[in-house]
C-alpha atoms as a PDB file:
ATOM      1  CA  MET A   1      -3.176  -5.156 -17.148  1.00  0.00           C
ATOM      2  CA  GLY A   2      -0.659  -2.167 -16.119  1.00  0.00           C
ATOM      3  CA  LYS A   3       2.017  -2.033 -13.163  1.00  0.00           C
ATOM      4  CA  PHE A   4      -1.083  -0.367 -10.735  1.00  0.00           C
ATOM      5  CA  GLU A   5      -2.875  -3.510 -11.569  1.00  0.00           C
ATOM      6  CA  ASN A   6      -0.540  -5.938 -10.985  1.00  0.00           C
ATOM      7  CA  THR A   7       0.876  -4.347  -7.550  1.00  0.00           C
ATOM      8  CA  LEU A   8      -2.814  -4.296  -5.827  1.00  0.00           C
ATOM      9  CA  GLU A   9      -3.377  -7.929  -7.106  1.00  0.00           C
ATOM     10  CA  SER A  10       0.573  -8.892  -5.764  1.00  0.00           C
ATOM     11  CA  ILE A  11      -1.001  -7.057  -2.672  1.00  0.00           C
ATOM     12  CA  LEU A  12      -4.615  -8.787  -1.891  1.00  0.00           C
ATOM     13  CA  ARG A  13      -3.114 -12.175  -3.094  1.00  0.00           C
ATOM     14  CA  GLY A  14      -0.543 -12.350  -0.667  1.00  0.00           C
ATOM     15  CA  SER A  15       1.018 -14.860  -0.906  1.00  0.00           C
ATOM     16  CA  SER A  16       4.800 -12.398  -1.915  1.00  0.00           C
ATOM     17  CA  ASP A  17       4.481  -9.817   0.450  1.00  0.00           C
ATOM     18  CA  GLN A  18       7.754  -9.403   1.670  1.00  0.00           C
ATOM     19  CA  ASN A  19       8.970  -8.710  -2.602  1.00  0.00           C
ATOM     20  CA  VAL A  20       6.125  -5.696  -3.076  1.00  0.00           C
ATOM     21  CA  ALA A  21       8.587  -2.914  -3.808  1.00  0.00           C
ATOM     22  CA  PHE A  22       8.752  -0.026  -1.740  1.00  0.00           C
ATOM     23  CA  GLY A  23       7.938   2.384  -5.010  1.00  0.00           C
ATOM     24  CA  ASP A  24       5.022  -0.275  -6.241  1.00  0.00           C
ATOM     25  CA  LEU A  25       3.615   0.154  -2.800  1.00  0.00           C
ATOM     26  CA  ARG A  26       3.805   3.890  -2.410  1.00  0.00           C
ATOM     27  CA  HIS A  27       2.567   4.502  -5.825  1.00  0.00           C
ATOM     28  CA  VAL A  28      -0.535   1.590  -5.171  1.00  0.00           C
ATOM     29  CA  LEU A  29      -1.057   4.047  -2.167  1.00  0.00           C
ATOM     30  CA  SER A  30      -1.110   7.546  -4.555  1.00  0.00           C
ATOM     31  CA  ARG A  31      -3.435   6.235  -6.866  1.00  0.00           C
ATOM     32  CA  LEU A  32      -6.074   4.835  -4.173  1.00  0.00           C
ATOM     33  CA  GLY A  33      -6.137   8.771  -3.006  1.00  0.00           C
ATOM     34  CA  PHE A  34      -4.054   8.513  -0.299  1.00  0.00           C
ATOM     35  CA  ASP A  35      -2.175  11.632   0.700  1.00  0.00           C
ATOM     36  CA  GLU A  36       1.665  11.346   2.244  1.00  0.00           C
ATOM     37  CA  ARG A  37       3.733  13.158   3.854  1.00  0.00           C
ATOM     38  CA  ILE A  38       7.688  12.609   4.275  1.00  0.00           C
ATOM     39  CA  LYS A  39       8.960  12.783   7.369  1.00  0.00           C
ATOM     40  CA  GLY A  40      13.046  11.560   7.976  1.00  0.00           C
ATOM     41  CA  ASP A  41      12.324   8.144   5.870  1.00  0.00           C
ATOM     42  CA  HIS A  42       8.943   7.428   7.068  1.00  0.00           C
ATOM     43  CA  PHE A  43       6.365   7.987   4.032  1.00  0.00           C
ATOM     44  CA  ILE A  44       3.015   8.893   6.146  1.00  0.00           C
ATOM     45  CA  PHE A  45      -0.218   8.414   3.815  1.00  0.00           C
ATOM     46  CA  SER A  46      -3.348   9.518   4.943  1.00  0.00           C
ATOM     47  CA  ARG A  47      -7.109  10.168   3.213  1.00  0.00           C
ATOM     48  CA  ASP A  48      -9.949  11.953   3.700  1.00  0.00           C
ATOM     49  CA  GLY A  49     -12.647   8.876   5.178  1.00  0.00           C
ATOM     50  CA  VAL A  50      -9.864   6.414   6.065  1.00  0.00           C
ATOM     51  CA  VAL A  51      -9.961   6.646  10.282  1.00  0.00           C
ATOM     52  CA  GLU A  52      -5.875   4.604   9.900  1.00  0.00           C
ATOM     53  CA  ILE A  53      -2.440   6.634   9.330  1.00  0.00           C
ATOM     54  CA  ILE A  54      -0.472   4.064   7.450  1.00  0.00           C
ATOM     55  CA  ASN A  55       2.861   4.947   8.255  1.00  0.00           C
ATOM     56  CA  LEU A  56       5.873   2.730   5.800  1.00  0.00           C
ATOM     57  CA  GLN A  57       9.513   2.901   6.143  1.00  0.00           C
ATOM     58  CA  PRO A  58      11.587   0.218   3.246  1.00  0.00           C
ATOM     59  CA  ILE A  59      14.378  -1.501   3.568  1.00  0.00           C
ATOM     60  CA  GLY A  60      16.283  -1.591   0.966  1.00  0.00           C
ATOM     61  CA  ASN A  61      14.511  -1.052  -1.703  1.00  0.00           C
ATOM     62  CA  LYS A  62      11.636  -3.330  -0.215  1.00  0.00           C
ATOM     63  CA  ALA A  63       7.937  -2.825   1.494  1.00  0.00           C
ATOM     64  CA  LYS A  64       7.983  -4.384   4.924  1.00  0.00           C
ATOM     65  CA  ALA A  65       5.906  -7.175   5.269  1.00  0.00           C
ATOM     66  CA  TYR A  66       3.679  -6.554   7.980  1.00  0.00           C
ATOM     67  CA  GLN A  67       3.256  -3.077   6.047  1.00  0.00           C
ATOM     68  CA  VAL A  68       1.614  -4.005   2.867  1.00  0.00           C
ATOM     69  CA  LYS A  69       0.110  -6.743   5.319  1.00  0.00           C
ATOM     70  CA  GLN A  70      -1.599  -3.129   6.277  1.00  0.00           C
ATOM     71  CA  VAL A  71      -2.306  -1.698   3.083  1.00  0.00           C
ATOM     72  CA  ARG A  72      -3.773  -5.211   2.152  1.00  0.00           C
ATOM     73  CA  ASN A  73      -6.188  -4.843   5.265  1.00  0.00           C
ATOM     74  CA  LEU A  74      -7.468  -1.131   4.553  1.00  0.00           C
ATOM     75  CA  ILE A  75      -7.965  -1.690   1.127  1.00  0.00           C
ATOM     76  CA  VAL A  76     -10.292  -4.860   1.594  1.00  0.00           C
ATOM     77  CA  LYS A  77     -11.924  -3.134   4.729  1.00  0.00           C
ATOM     78  CA  TYR A  78     -12.644  -0.098   2.994  1.00  0.00           C
ATOM     79  CA  LYS A  79     -13.187  -1.583  -0.635  1.00  0.00           C
ATOM     80  CA  PHE A  80     -11.020   0.587  -2.701  1.00  0.00           C
ATOM     81  CA  ALA A  81      -9.978  -2.516  -5.142  1.00  0.00           C
ATOM     82  CA  GLY A  82     -13.795  -3.047  -5.812  1.00  0.00           C
ATOM     83  CA  ASP A  83     -15.176  -6.723  -6.557  1.00  0.00           C
ATOM     84  CA  ARG A  84     -11.283  -7.657  -6.490  1.00  0.00           C
ATOM     85  CA  ALA A  85     -10.909  -8.023  -3.063  1.00  0.00           C
END
């Protein structure tokens, strides 16, 4: 399994939201087809067909746990993970 798959599995498990690297979370969203724009320390992700906009800010090199949960909810809601969700 590659880094993308490992990070996606970690996000979907939800057992260590506070330990997801910010760069890995950005990479997952990028691979799932989200467009990224940056405004200050806000990384804003959007995608055609997805109503919600994801606004991420890092804490050091980690993602905020509640933001990892928001990403997980979108992955499950829109079935981006296929049969893994």
